[in-house]
Amino acid sequence: MIKLIILDVDGCLTDGKLIYSSDGESKNFSVKDGLGITTWIKLGHRVAIITGRTSKVVQTRADELGIQHLFQGVKDKDRVLRELVENLGLKFYEVAAIGDDFNDYNMLNLVGRSFAPNDGVDDIKDIVDTVLTKNGGDGAVREMIDILVDESDLKDKFLSVWV
C-alpha cells in the first residue's frame, strides 16, 4: 500500500507556467488537487513536495493543505527522496510520485508507483507506470490520488471524510 506521495510543483500541481508581476510570482493550483491531497492526509497518509524551484506561493499552498514535507530549490530530487524515505522508515514500494520532466526522471524510477500528467514530456511518459488523462495543474494530482485510493480499496473511507 502507498503511504507517501511525492509531488512535483511546476507541471504537476500547476500548469508549469511562471507568471511574474510587480507583486511577485503567481501560480494556478487546482482546487480538486487540493481536496484530494487534504483527504489523503486525513486518511493518515503522508505527502511531500520536492521541487526544483523556490517560491513563497508554494510554501503558502503547502501550509494551506497541511503538506508535512516541503523541499524547495532541490537539484537532486532522488537524493532528497532517498533521505525522506529513510527518515520516515518507509520502503520505496510504499511511495508514489508524479513528475513531468527530466529533473524528475531519477526520482520516478525509485518509487513503487510513478505517474506523469498527460502533458508531461514524452521521455517521462515512457518510463512511468501511469500516464494520466489530466494535464498538470488541471486535476492530474487528484487523478493520481483517486487511482491510488481505488487500488488500495479506500474509496469508502475516502468518501467518508466528506459525506
Protein backbone atom coordinates (compact mmCIF):
# COMPACT_ATOMS: atom_id res chain seq x y z
CA MET A 1 0.00 0.00 0.00
CA ILE A 2 1.19 3.51 -0.80
CA LYS A 3 1.87 5.54 2.34
CA LEU A 4 3.63 8.58 0.87
CA ILE A 5 3.05 10.56 -2.29
CA ILE A 6 5.70 12.83 -3.76
CA LEU A 7 4.57 15.83 -5.78
CA ASP A 8 6.45 17.96 -8.24
CA VAL A 9 5.06 21.50 -8.50
CA ASP A 10 5.61 23.13 -11.88
CA GLY A 11 3.91 20.98 -14.49
CA CYS A 12 2.14 18.73 -11.96
CA LEU A 13 0.49 20.81 -9.24
CA THR A 14 0.47 23.74 -11.69
CA ASP A 15 0.31 24.07 -15.45
CA GLY A 16 4.02 24.86 -15.47
CA LYS A 17 3.60 28.50 -16.47
CA LEU A 18 5.53 31.06 -14.45
CA ILE A 19 3.72 34.37 -14.10
CA TYR A 20 5.72 37.32 -12.86
CA SER A 21 4.28 40.69 -11.95
CA SER A 22 5.37 43.70 -9.93
CA ASP A 23 3.71 41.94 -6.97
CA GLY A 24 5.87 38.83 -7.41
CA GLU A 25 5.25 35.35 -8.74
CA SER A 26 1.85 33.71 -9.09
CA LYS A 27 0.80 30.15 -9.87
CA ASN A 28 -2.52 28.47 -10.59
CA PHE A 29 -3.41 25.47 -8.41
CA SER A 30 -6.36 23.12 -8.86
CA VAL A 31 -8.92 23.05 -6.05
CA LYS A 32 -9.62 19.42 -6.97
CA ASP A 33 -5.95 18.54 -6.42
CA GLY A 34 -6.09 20.33 -3.08
CA LEU A 35 -9.15 18.43 -1.87
CA GLY A 36 -7.57 15.15 -2.91
CA ILE A 37 -4.35 15.99 -1.06
CA THR A 38 -6.10 17.05 2.15
CA THR A 39 -8.28 13.94 2.09
CA TRP A 40 -5.24 11.71 1.53
CA ILE A 41 -3.65 13.31 4.61
CA LYS A 42 -6.86 12.91 6.66
CA LEU A 43 -6.69 9.19 5.88
CA GLY A 44 -3.38 9.13 7.74
CA HIS A 45 -1.07 9.13 4.72
CA ARG A 46 1.84 11.45 4.02
CA VAL A 47 2.52 13.98 1.28
CA ALA A 48 5.77 15.62 0.26
CA ILE A 49 6.61 18.25 -2.31
CA ILE A 50 10.03 18.05 -3.93
CA THR A 51 10.54 20.90 -6.37
CA GLY A 52 13.47 22.41 -8.20
CA ARG A 53 12.32 26.00 -7.75
CA THR A 54 11.78 28.05 -4.61
CA SER A 55 8.59 30.04 -4.23
CA LYS A 56 6.69 31.69 -1.39
CA VAL A 57 3.49 30.76 -3.21
CA VAL A 58 4.38 27.06 -2.94
CA GLN A 59 5.12 27.45 0.79
CA THR A 60 1.71 29.07 1.25
CA ARG A 61 -0.06 26.31 -0.69
CA ALA A 62 1.76 23.55 1.21
CA ASP A 63 0.84 25.17 4.55
CA GLU A 64 -2.77 25.60 3.46
CA LEU A 65 -3.08 21.92 2.51
CA GLY A 66 -1.22 20.57 5.55
CA ILE A 67 1.59 19.06 3.49
CA GLN A 68 4.08 17.73 6.01
CA HIS A 69 7.26 17.73 3.96
CA LEU A 70 8.32 20.55 1.64
CA PHE A 71 11.66 20.62 -0.16
CA GLN A 72 12.27 23.59 -2.46
CA GLY A 73 15.26 24.53 -4.59
CA VAL A 74 16.20 20.86 -4.98
CA LYS A 75 18.63 20.00 -7.76
CA ASP A 76 18.97 16.31 -6.82
CA LYS A 77 15.42 15.09 -6.24
CA ASP A 78 16.33 11.42 -5.89
CA ARG A 79 18.81 12.22 -3.08
CA VAL A 80 16.12 14.11 -1.15
CA LEU A 81 13.64 11.29 -1.80
CA ARG A 82 16.11 8.67 -0.52
CA GLU A 83 16.72 10.67 2.67
CA LEU A 84 12.98 11.22 3.26
CA VAL A 85 12.11 7.56 2.74
CA GLU A 86 14.86 6.53 5.16
CA ASN A 87 13.87 9.13 7.78
CA LEU A 88 10.23 8.04 7.63
CA GLY A 89 11.15 4.35 7.86
CA LEU A 90 9.42 3.53 4.58
CA LYS A 91 10.31 1.31 1.64
CA PHE A 92 10.32 2.66 -1.91
CA TYR A 93 7.44 0.35 -2.85
CA GLU A 94 5.32 2.34 -0.35
CA VAL A 95 5.92 5.59 -2.25
CA ALA A 96 4.20 7.04 -5.32
CA ALA A 97 5.38 10.10 -7.23
CA ILE A 98 4.24 12.37 -10.03
CA GLY A 99 6.65 14.19 -12.32
CA ASP A 100 6.57 15.75 -15.75
CA ASP A 101 10.11 16.50 -16.94
CA PHE A 102 13.74 15.37 -16.96
CA ASN A 103 14.54 16.61 -13.45
CA ASP A 104 12.00 14.06 -12.14
CA TYR A 105 13.44 11.10 -14.07
CA ASN A 106 15.61 9.51 -11.36
CA MET A 107 13.03 10.12 -8.64
CA LEU A 108 10.29 8.45 -10.69
CA ASN A 109 12.49 5.41 -11.26
CA LEU A 110 12.93 4.90 -7.50
CA VAL A 111 9.32 4.78 -6.34
CA GLY A 112 6.89 1.89 -6.29
CA ARG A 113 4.25 3.73 -8.33
CA SER A 114 5.02 6.51 -10.81
CA PHE A 115 2.74 8.92 -12.65
CA ALA A 116 3.02 11.67 -15.25
CA PRO A 117 0.44 14.25 -16.30
CA ASN A 118 -0.90 13.91 -19.83
CA ASP A 119 1.16 16.93 -20.91
CA GLY A 120 4.42 15.63 -19.41
CA VAL A 121 7.38 15.24 -21.74
CA ASP A 122 7.44 12.05 -23.79
CA ASP A 123 10.62 10.67 -22.21
CA ILE A 124 8.98 10.81 -18.78
CA LYS A 125 5.69 9.40 -20.02
CA ASP A 126 7.70 6.48 -21.44
CA ILE A 127 9.09 5.45 -18.02
CA VAL A 128 6.16 5.93 -15.64
CA ASP A 129 3.63 3.30 -14.65
CA THR A 130 0.66 5.53 -15.47
CA VAL A 131 0.19 8.47 -17.81
CA LEU A 132 -2.79 10.38 -16.51
CA THR A 133 -5.58 11.78 -18.65
CA LYS A 134 -5.40 15.18 -16.94
CA ASN A 135 -2.76 17.84 -17.53
CA GLY A 136 -0.59 19.33 -14.83
CA GLY A 137 -2.45 21.96 -12.83
CA ASP A 138 -5.76 20.68 -14.15
CA GLY A 139 -6.53 17.80 -11.82
CA ALA A 140 -3.62 15.44 -12.58
CA VAL A 141 -2.66 15.09 -8.91
CA ARG A 142 -6.29 14.39 -7.96
CA GLU A 143 -6.50 11.75 -10.69
CA MET A 144 -3.34 10.13 -9.30
CA ILE A 145 -4.79 10.11 -5.77
CA ASP A 146 -8.10 8.71 -7.00
CA ILE A 147 -6.23 5.86 -8.72
CA LEU A 148 -4.24 5.12 -5.54
CA VAL A 149 -7.42 5.19 -3.45
CA ASP A 150 -9.13 2.76 -5.83
CA GLU A 151 -6.11 0.43 -5.96
CA SER A 152 -5.93 0.37 -2.15
CA ASP A 153 -9.67 -0.22 -1.77
CA LEU A 154 -10.02 3.01 0.23
CA LYS A 155 -12.88 4.59 -1.72
CA ASP A 156 -15.46 4.28 1.07
CA LYS A 157 -13.01 5.63 3.63
CA PHE A 158 -12.01 8.45 1.26
CA LEU A 159 -15.64 9.43 0.73
CA SER A 160 -16.49 9.16 4.43
CA VAL A 161 -14.18 12.09 5.16
CA TRP A 162 -16.65 14.40 3.40
CA VAL A 163 -20.06 12.70 3.34
